[in-house]
C-alpha atoms as a PDB file:
ATOM      1  CA  UNK A   1     -57.826 -57.923   4.431  1.00  0.00           C
ATOM      2  CA  UNK A   2     -57.667 -60.790   5.468  1.00  0.00           C
ATOM      3  CA  UNK A   3     -55.099 -63.316   6.799  1.00  0.00           C
ATOM      4  CA  UNK A   4     -55.445 -66.738   6.077  1.00  0.00           C
ATOM      5  CA  UNK A   5     -52.637 -69.239   4.921  1.00  0.00           C
ATOM      6  CA  UNK A   6     -53.749 -70.081   1.718  1.00  0.00           C
ATOM      7  CA  UNK A   7     -52.497 -69.283  -1.732  1.00  0.00           C
ATOM      8  CA  UNK A   8     -54.501 -66.830  -3.564  1.00  0.00           C
ATOM      9  CA  UNK A   9     -56.648 -69.114  -5.997  1.00  0.00           C
ATOM     10  CA  UNK A  10     -59.883 -66.990  -6.184  1.00  0.00           C
ATOM     11  CA  UNK A  11     -60.678 -63.334  -7.355  1.00  0.00           C
ATOM     12  CA  UNK A  12     -60.266 -62.453  -3.804  1.00  0.00           C
ATOM     13  CA  UNK A  13     -57.033 -60.761  -2.397  1.00  0.00           C
ATOM     14  CA  UNK A  14     -56.317 -62.543   0.664  1.00  0.00           C
ATOM     15  CA  UNK A  15     -52.746 -62.659   1.821  1.00  0.00           C
ATOM     16  CA  UNK A  16     -50.111 -65.756   3.210  1.00  0.00           C
ATOM     17  CA  UNK A  17     -48.628 -64.581   6.305  1.00  0.00           C
ATOM     18  CA  UNK A  18     -45.057 -64.045   7.018  1.00  0.00           C
ATOM     19  CA  UNK A  19     -43.110 -61.766   9.325  1.00  0.00           C
ATOM     20  CA  UNK A  20     -39.221 -60.864   9.338  1.00  0.00           C
ATOM     21  CA  UNK A  21     -37.161 -61.886  12.456  1.00  0.00           C
ATOM     22  CA  UNK A  22     -37.722 -58.736  14.233  1.00  0.00           C
ATOM     23  CA  UNK A  23     -40.961 -57.860  13.904  1.00  0.00           C
ATOM     24  CA  UNK A  24     -43.993 -58.585  16.648  1.00  0.00           C
ATOM     25  CA  UNK A  25     -46.005 -61.595  16.163  1.00  0.00           C
ATOM     26  CA  UNK A  26     -47.724 -63.841  17.054  1.00  0.00           C
ATOM     27  CA  UNK A  27     -45.398 -67.430  18.673  1.00  0.00           C
ATOM     28  CA  UNK A  28     -44.654 -71.115  18.759  1.00  0.00           C
ATOM     29  CA  UNK A  29     -44.897 -72.545  21.959  1.00  0.00           C
ATOM     30  CA  UNK A  30     -41.177 -73.830  22.594  1.00  0.00           C
ATOM     31  CA  UNK A  31     -40.379 -76.234  24.801  1.00  0.00           C
ATOM     32  CA  UNK A  32     -39.315 -73.745  27.555  1.00  0.00           C
ATOM     33  CA  UNK A  33     -43.060 -72.922  27.718  1.00  0.00           C
ATOM     34  CA  UNK A  34     -42.263 -69.567  25.843  1.00  0.00           C
ATOM     35  CA  UNK A  35     -43.796 -68.129  23.000  1.00  0.00           C
ATOM     36  CA  UNK A  36     -41.116 -67.838  20.267  1.00  0.00           C
ATOM     37  CA  UNK A  37     -41.996 -65.276  17.224  1.00  0.00           C
ATOM     38  CA  UNK A  38     -39.003 -66.516  15.158  1.00  0.00           C
ATOM     39  CA  UNK A  39     -40.360 -69.927  14.884  1.00  0.00           C
ATOM     40  CA  UNK A  40     -44.201 -68.899  13.519  1.00  0.00           C
ATOM     41  CA  UNK A  41     -42.472 -66.916  11.098  1.00  0.00           C
ATOM     42  CA  UNK A  42     -40.686 -69.298  10.018  1.00  0.00           C
ATOM     43  CA  UNK A  43     -44.020 -71.376  10.138  1.00  0.00           C
ATOM     44  CA  UNK A  44     -45.374 -69.110   7.815  1.00  0.00           C
ATOM     45  CA  UNK A  45     -42.248 -68.680   5.138  1.00  0.00           C
ATOM     46  CA  UNK A  46     -42.385 -72.949   5.348  1.00  0.00           C
ATOM     47  CA  UNK A  47     -45.887 -73.288   4.315  1.00  0.00           C
ATOM     48  CA  UNK A  48     -45.941 -70.247   1.371  1.00  0.00           C
ATOM     49  CA  UNK A  49     -42.515 -72.298   0.072  1.00  0.00           C
ATOM     50  CA  UNK A  50     -44.447 -75.103   0.129  1.00  0.00           C
ATOM     51  CA  UNK A  51     -48.138 -74.578  -1.116  1.00  0.00           C
ATOM     52  CA  UNK A  52     -46.227 -72.571  -3.924  1.00  0.00           C
ATOM     53  CA  UNK A  53     -43.110 -73.919  -4.796  1.00  0.00           C
ATOM     54  CA  UNK A  54     -43.798 -78.277  -3.682  1.00  0.00           C
ATOM     55  CA  UNK A  55     -47.163 -78.674  -3.788  1.00  0.00           C
ATOM     56  CA  UNK A  56     -48.347 -81.723  -4.696  1.00  0.00           C
ATOM     57  CA  UNK A  57     -51.024 -82.691  -7.406  1.00  0.00           C
ATOM     58  CA  UNK A  58     -49.970 -78.967  -9.525  1.00  0.00           C
ATOM     59  CA  UNK A  59     -47.394 -78.028 -11.441  1.00  0.00           C
ATOM     60  CA  UNK A  60     -44.669 -76.670  -8.933  1.00  0.00           C
ATOM     61  CA  UNK A  61     -43.460 -72.570  -9.675  1.00  0.00           C
ATOM     62  CA  UNK A  62     -39.797 -72.420 -10.610  1.00  0.00           C
ATOM     63  CA  UNK A  63     -39.901 -68.786 -11.611  1.00  0.00           C
ATOM     64  CA  UNK A  64     -41.653 -65.960  -8.847  1.00  0.00           C
ATOM     65  CA  UNK A  65     -41.312 -62.674  -8.507  1.00  0.00           C
ATOM     66  CA  UNK A  66     -41.715 -61.525  -5.134  1.00  0.00           C
ATOM     67  CA  UNK A  67     -42.994 -57.141  -5.190  1.00  0.00           C
ATOM     68  CA  UNK A  68     -43.987 -55.053  -2.279  1.00  0.00           C
ATOM     69  CA  UNK A  69     -47.114 -52.863  -2.924  1.00  0.00           C
ATOM     70  CA  UNK A  70     -45.047 -49.751  -2.236  1.00  0.00           C
ATOM     71  CA  UNK A  71     -41.646 -48.609  -3.034  1.00  0.00           C
ATOM     72  CA  UNK A  72     -40.628 -48.032   0.265  1.00  0.00           C
ATOM     73  CA  UNK A  73     -41.951 -51.730   0.975  1.00  0.00           C
ATOM     74  CA  UNK A  74     -38.234 -53.661   1.947  1.00  0.00           C
ATOM     75  CA  UNK A  75     -38.383 -57.152   1.090  1.00  0.00           C
ATOM     76  CA  UNK A  76     -35.066 -58.446   0.738  1.00  0.00           C
ATOM     77  CA  UNK A  77     -35.432 -60.368   3.010  1.00  0.00           C
ATOM     78  CA  UNK A  78     -38.125 -61.631   3.031  1.00  0.00           C
ATOM     79  CA  UNK A  79     -36.782 -63.176  -0.393  1.00  0.00           C
ATOM     80  CA  UNK A  80     -33.953 -64.596   1.428  1.00  0.00           C
ATOM     81  CA  UNK A  81     -35.702 -66.283   3.828  1.00  0.00           C
ATOM     82  CA  UNK A  82     -37.714 -67.874   1.194  1.00  0.00           C
ATOM     83  CA  UNK A  83     -34.747 -68.823  -0.655  1.00  0.00           C
ATOM     84  CA  UNK A  84     -33.906 -70.563   2.579  1.00  0.00           C
ATOM     85  CA  UNK A  85     -37.072 -72.316   3.306  1.00  0.00           C
ATOM     86  CA  UNK A  86     -37.024 -73.708  -0.336  1.00  0.00           C
ATOM     87  CA  UNK A  87     -33.550 -74.699  -0.232  1.00  0.00           C
ATOM     88  CA  UNK A  88     -34.329 -77.218   2.801  1.00  0.00           C
ATOM     89  CA  UNK A  89     -37.322 -78.958   1.033  1.00  0.00           C
ATOM     90  CA  UNK A  90     -35.932 -79.479  -1.708  1.00  0.00           C
ATOM     91  CA  UNK A  91     -31.653 -80.292  -3.012  1.00  0.00           C
ATOM     92  CA  UNK A  92     -32.275 -78.449  -6.474  1.00  0.00           C
ATOM     93  CA  UNK A  93     -30.031 -75.115  -7.267  1.00  0.00           C
ATOM     94  CA  UNK A  94     -31.605 -71.899  -5.923  1.00  0.00           C
ATOM     95  CA  UNK A  95     -31.362 -68.169  -7.007  1.00  0.00           C
ATOM     96  CA  UNK A  96     -32.068 -65.351  -5.427  1.00  0.00           C
ATOM     97  CA  UNK A  97     -31.851 -62.331  -7.697  1.00  0.00           C
ATOM     98  CA  UNK A  98     -31.288 -59.692  -5.096  1.00  0.00           C
ATOM     99  CA  UNK A  99     -31.906 -56.085  -6.352  1.00  0.00           C
ATOM    100  CA  UNK A 100     -30.010 -54.242  -4.069  1.00  0.00           C
ATOM    101  CA  UNK A 101     -27.067 -56.979  -3.653  1.00  0.00           C
ATOM    102  CA  UNK A 102     -23.145 -56.324  -5.143  1.00  0.00           C
ATOM    103  CA  UNK A 103     -19.938 -58.474  -4.571  1.00  0.00           C
ATOM    104  CA  UNK A 104     -16.863 -56.790  -5.598  1.00  0.00           C
ATOM    105  CA  UNK A 105     -15.094 -57.178  -8.137  1.00  0.00           C
ATOM    106  CA  UNK A 106     -17.093 -60.501  -9.871  1.00  0.00           C
ATOM    107  CA  UNK A 107     -18.342 -58.465 -12.662  1.00  0.00           C
ATOM    108  CA  UNK A 108     -20.225 -60.382 -15.647  1.00  0.00           C
ATOM    109  CA  UNK A 109     -18.132 -59.989 -18.979  1.00  0.00           C
ATOM    110  CA  UNK A 110     -19.841 -57.118 -21.800  1.00  0.00           C
ATOM    111  CA  UNK A 111     -22.761 -57.987 -23.534  1.00  0.00           C
ATOM    112  CA  UNK A 112     -20.719 -59.549 -27.052  1.00  0.00           C
ATOM    113  CA  UNK A 113     -19.294 -62.332 -25.132  1.00  0.00           C
ATOM    114  CA  UNK A 114     -22.695 -63.409 -24.293  1.00  0.00           C
ATOM    115  CA  UNK A 115     -22.967 -65.918 -26.681  1.00  0.00           C
ATOM    116  CA  UNK A 116     -19.871 -66.520 -27.724  1.00  0.00           C
ATOM    117  CA  UNK A 117     -18.818 -67.725 -23.859  1.00  0.00           C
ATOM    118  CA  UNK A 118     -21.084 -67.365 -21.219  1.00  0.00           C
ATOM    119  CA  UNK A 119     -19.748 -67.444 -17.663  1.00  0.00           C
ATOM    120  CA  UNK A 120     -21.744 -69.048 -15.459  1.00  0.00           C
ATOM    121  CA  UNK A 121     -24.110 -67.139 -12.949  1.00  0.00           C
ATOM    122  CA  UNK A 122     -22.800 -69.425 -10.095  1.00  0.00           C
ATOM    123  CA  UNK A 123     -18.730 -68.099 -10.543  1.00  0.00           C
ATOM    124  CA  UNK A 124     -19.851 -64.551  -9.908  1.00  0.00           C
ATOM    125  CA  UNK A 125     -22.624 -64.565  -7.607  1.00  0.00           C
ATOM    126  CA  UNK A 126     -22.850 -65.719  -3.172  1.00  0.00           C
ATOM    127  CA  UNK A 127     -23.485 -69.034  -2.529  1.00  0.00           C
ATOM    128  CA  UNK A 128     -25.271 -69.649   0.408  1.00  0.00           C
ATOM    129  CA  UNK A 129     -24.990 -72.521   1.323  1.00  0.00           C
ATOM    130  CA  UNK A 130     -24.529 -76.146  -0.690  1.00  0.00           C
ATOM    131  CA  UNK A 131     -27.718 -75.312  -3.505  1.00  0.00           C
ATOM    132  CA  UNK A 132     -28.517 -71.583  -2.607  1.00  0.00           C
ATOM    133  CA  UNK A 133     -26.626 -68.603  -4.548  1.00  0.00           C
ATOM    134  CA  UNK A 134     -27.786 -65.096  -4.293  1.00  0.00           C
ATOM    135  CA  UNK A 135     -27.925 -62.987  -7.106  1.00  0.00           C
ATOM    136  CA  UNK A 136     -26.745 -59.591  -8.181  1.00  0.00           C
ATOM    137  CA  UNK A 137     -30.091 -58.183 -10.437  1.00  0.00           C
ATOM    138  CA  UNK A 138     -27.936 -55.195 -11.813  1.00  0.00           C
ATOM    139  CA  UNK A 139     -24.931 -57.928 -12.683  1.00  0.00           C
ATOM    140  CA  UNK A 140     -27.122 -60.611 -14.263  1.00  0.00           C
ATOM    141  CA  UNK A 141     -28.806 -57.540 -16.706  1.00  0.00           C
ATOM    142  CA  UNK A 142     -24.934 -56.751 -17.271  1.00  0.00           C
ATOM    143  CA  UNK A 143     -24.260 -60.004 -18.269  1.00  0.00           C
ATOM    144  CA  UNK A 144     -26.941 -60.855 -21.669  1.00  0.00           C
ATOM    145  CA  UNK A 145     -27.720 -58.205 -24.454  1.00  0.00           C
ATOM    146  CA  UNK A 146     -31.538 -56.502 -24.802  1.00  0.00           C
ATOM    147  CA  UNK A 147     -33.730 -53.990 -22.883  1.00  0.00           C
ATOM    148  CA  UNK A 148     -37.053 -54.253 -21.754  1.00  0.00           C
ATOM    149  CA  UNK A 149     -38.789 -57.561 -22.220  1.00  0.00           C
ATOM    150  CA  UNK A 150     -36.015 -58.967 -24.442  1.00  0.00           C
ATOM    151  CA  UNK A 151     -33.718 -58.395 -21.509  1.00  0.00           C
ATOM    152  CA  UNK A 152     -35.634 -60.008 -18.780  1.00  0.00           C
ATOM    153  CA  UNK A 153     -36.541 -62.741 -21.672  1.00  0.00           C
ATOM    154  CA  UNK A 154     -33.106 -63.997 -21.664  1.00  0.00           C
ATOM    155  CA  UNK A 155     -32.254 -63.291 -18.187  1.00  0.00           C
ATOM    156  CA  UNK A 156     -34.512 -65.278 -17.326  1.00  0.00           C
ATOM    157  CA  UNK A 157     -33.570 -68.163 -19.836  1.00  0.00           C
ATOM    158  CA  UNK A 158     -30.063 -67.956 -17.556  1.00  0.00           C
ATOM    159  CA  UNK A 159     -31.056 -68.572 -15.097  1.00  0.00           C
ATOM    160  CA  UNK A 160     -33.354 -71.734 -16.160  1.00  0.00           C
ATOM    161  CA  UNK A 161     -29.627 -73.001 -17.666  1.00  0.00           C
ATOM    162  CA  UNK A 162     -28.210 -73.251 -13.889  1.00  0.00           C
ATOM    163  CA  UNK A 163     -30.666 -73.094 -11.698  1.00  0.00           C
ATOM    164  CA  UNK A 164     -34.235 -75.140 -11.095  1.00  0.00           C
ATOM    165  CA  UNK A 165     -35.730 -71.982  -8.840  1.00  0.00           C
ATOM    166  CA  UNK A 166     -35.314 -68.772  -9.262  1.00  0.00           C
ATOM    167  CA  UNK A 167     -37.113 -66.097  -6.038  1.00  0.00           C
ATOM    168  CA  UNK A 168     -36.888 -62.840  -7.622  1.00  0.00           C
ATOM    169  CA  UNK A 169     -37.109 -59.813  -6.077  1.00  0.00           C
ATOM    170  CA  UNK A 170     -38.702 -57.163  -7.984  1.00  0.00           C
ATOM    171  CA  UNK A 171     -39.904 -53.511  -8.373  1.00  0.00           C
ATOM    172  CA  UNK A 172     -42.912 -52.067  -6.696  1.00  0.00           C
ATOM    173  CA  UNK A 173     -45.920 -53.317  -7.891  1.00  0.00           C
ATOM    174  CA  UNK A 174     -47.611 -49.876  -7.152  1.00  0.00           C
ATOM    175  CA  UNK A 175     -45.214 -47.719  -8.733  1.00  0.00           C
ATOM    176  CA  UNK A 176     -43.221 -49.548 -11.636  1.00  0.00           C
ATOM    177  CA  UNK A 177     -44.932 -51.260 -14.985  1.00  0.00           C
ATOM    178  CA  UNK A 178     -41.725 -53.550 -14.744  1.00  0.00           C
ATOM    179  CA  UNK A 179     -43.760 -55.764 -11.619  1.00  0.00           C
ATOM    180  CA  UNK A 180     -46.388 -56.739 -13.812  1.00  0.00           C
ATOM    181  CA  UNK A 181     -43.666 -57.426 -16.771  1.00  0.00           C
ATOM    182  CA  UNK A 182     -42.192 -59.926 -14.809  1.00  0.00           C
ATOM    183  CA  UNK A 183     -45.369 -61.193 -13.759  1.00  0.00           C
ATOM    184  CA  UNK A 184     -46.339 -62.560 -17.199  1.00  0.00           C
ATOM    185  CA  UNK A 185     -42.475 -63.676 -17.839  1.00  0.00           C
ATOM    186  CA  UNK A 186     -42.257 -66.028 -14.504  1.00  0.00           C
ATOM    187  CA  UNK A 187     -44.379 -68.344 -12.993  1.00  0.00           C
ATOM    188  CA  UNK A 188     -46.064 -65.693 -11.217  1.00  0.00           C
ATOM    189  CA  UNK A 189     -46.365 -63.121  -8.905  1.00  0.00           C
ATOM    190  CA  UNK A 190     -46.247 -62.579  -4.478  1.00  0.00           C
ATOM    191  CA  UNK A 191     -46.931 -59.440  -3.098  1.00  0.00           C
ATOM    192  CA  UNK A 192     -46.274 -57.936  -0.148  1.00  0.00           C
ATOM    193  CA  UNK A 193     -48.791 -56.223   2.086  1.00  0.00           C
ATOM    194  CA  UNK A 194     -47.362 -53.656   4.551  1.00  0.00           C
ATOM    195  CA  UNK A 195     -50.009 -54.688   7.740  1.00  0.00           C
ATOM    196  CA  UNK A 196     -50.605 -51.223   9.043  1.00  0.00           C
ATOM    197  CA  UNK A 197     -50.027 -49.195   5.843  1.00  0.00           C
ATOM    198  CA  UNK A 198     -50.886 -50.613   2.487  1.00  0.00           C
ATOM    199  CA  UNK A 199     -54.487 -49.414   2.164  1.00  0.00           C
ATOM    200  CA  UNK A 200     -57.361 -52.150   0.773  1.00  0.00           C
ATOM    201  CA  UNK A 201     -58.243 -50.143  -1.665  1.00  0.00           C
ATOM    202  CA  UNK A 202     -54.940 -49.565  -2.915  1.00  0.00           C
ATOM    203  CA  UNK A 203     -54.303 -53.359  -2.756  1.00  0.00           C
ATOM    204  CA  UNK A 204     -57.617 -54.516  -4.910  1.00  0.00           C
ATOM    205  CA  UNK A 205     -56.340 -51.744  -8.229  1.00  0.00           C
ATOM    206  CA  UNK A 206     -52.669 -52.889  -7.940  1.00  0.00           C
ATOM    207  CA  UNK A 207     -54.522 -56.567  -7.683  1.00  0.00           C
ATOM    208  CA  UNK A 208     -56.738 -55.642 -11.133  1.00  0.00           C
ATOM    209  CA  UNK A 209     -53.999 -53.936 -13.117  1.00  0.00           C
ATOM    210  CA  UNK A 210     -51.495 -57.565 -12.859  1.00  0.00           C
ATOM    211  CA  UNK A 211     -54.355 -59.380 -13.647  1.00  0.00           C
ATOM    212  CA  UNK A 212     -55.667 -56.778 -16.473  1.00  0.00           C
ATOM    213  CA  UNK A 213     -51.630 -58.081 -18.112  1.00  0.00           C
ATOM    214  CA  UNK A 214     -52.315 -61.691 -17.716  1.00  0.00           C
ATOM    215  CA  UNK A 215     -50.124 -61.280 -14.746  1.00  0.00           C
ATOM    216  CA  UNK A 216     -50.289 -64.745 -12.473  1.00  0.00           C
ATOM    217  CA  UNK A 217     -51.022 -63.810  -8.474  1.00  0.00           C
ATOM    218  CA  UNK A 218     -49.530 -66.794  -6.712  1.00  0.00           C
ATOM    219  CA  UNK A 219     -50.093 -65.321  -3.209  1.00  0.00           C
ATOM    220  CA  UNK A 220     -49.050 -62.423  -0.710  1.00  0.00           C
ATOM    221  CA  UNK A 221     -47.711 -62.202   2.340  1.00  0.00           C
ATOM    222  CA  UNK A 222     -48.619 -59.637   5.064  1.00  0.00           C
ATOM    223  CA  UNK A 223     -45.352 -58.273   6.760  1.00  0.00           C
ATOM    224  CA  UNK A 224     -45.439 -56.302   9.709  1.00  0.00           C
ATOM    225  CA  UNK A 225     -48.112 -57.539  11.623  1.00  0.00           C
ATOM    226  CA  UNK A 226     -49.224 -57.574  14.540  1.00  0.00           C
ATOM    227  CA  UNK A 227     -51.217 -59.272  17.654  1.00  0.00           C
ATOM    228  CA  UNK A 228     -52.694 -57.073  20.676  1.00  0.00           C
ATOM    229  CA  UNK A 229     -53.423 -59.701  22.173  1.00  0.00           C
ATOM    230  CA  UNK A 230     -51.158 -59.630  26.061  1.00  0.00           C
ATOM    231  CA  UNK A 231     -49.090 -63.086  25.829  1.00  0.00           C
ATOM    232  CA  UNK A 232     -50.785 -64.468  28.732  1.00  0.00           C
ATOM    233  CA  UNK A 233     -53.590 -65.126  26.734  1.00  0.00           C
ATOM    234  CA  UNK A 234     -51.562 -66.854  23.798  1.00  0.00           C
ATOM    235  CA  UNK A 235     -50.352 -69.653  26.620  1.00  0.00           C
ATOM    236  CA  UNK A 236     -53.706 -70.445  27.070  1.00  0.00           C
ATOM    237  CA  UNK A 237     -54.227 -71.246  23.728  1.00  0.00           C
END
């Protein structure tokens, strides 16, 4: 499976590379002469953001779902990194919808009050920057009526009322049909692959399943990638 920096525009599965801060990665040479894996990771995330959200010459994606291939792969940090990078590229308001995030004593109103007088999502979300908020997914769902498709349609509509961009932490694509649903209802889905545990056959099967439901696959992130070449050789590149 390739690890290019291209967004998926062809039927073949390739990858946009990204990394978490603690993972070993190829690095960027700093002014001190040392290779910096954190800088490399940030550059990969920035490239992904520019291609998906702010690319010139094509309609930008506004609501994008991130979904791991396997349920044991955590993508919360990746979603946060994408949100932070996007916040540096635009002044528009951005929501990162997090599945495992909660804020005490900020529960939204019950369903009957949804149409009578809505309460702004920003008022019960965590503001991370001047234009960036982390939104608890469970409370977003509690704040609107409905179930299944109608629930997510209402949630996405509410997000559009307050945020120009939404980065949604979705369930694992390999174990939940909800990932395909979100891929259809939003501008597209970005898959997160484990560099050392996601099998190519599994990735291709999930890709085919998503495409059969008309989910738009925007790209993929190859997570936990390691570069076995010694640092001394990278210095000479």
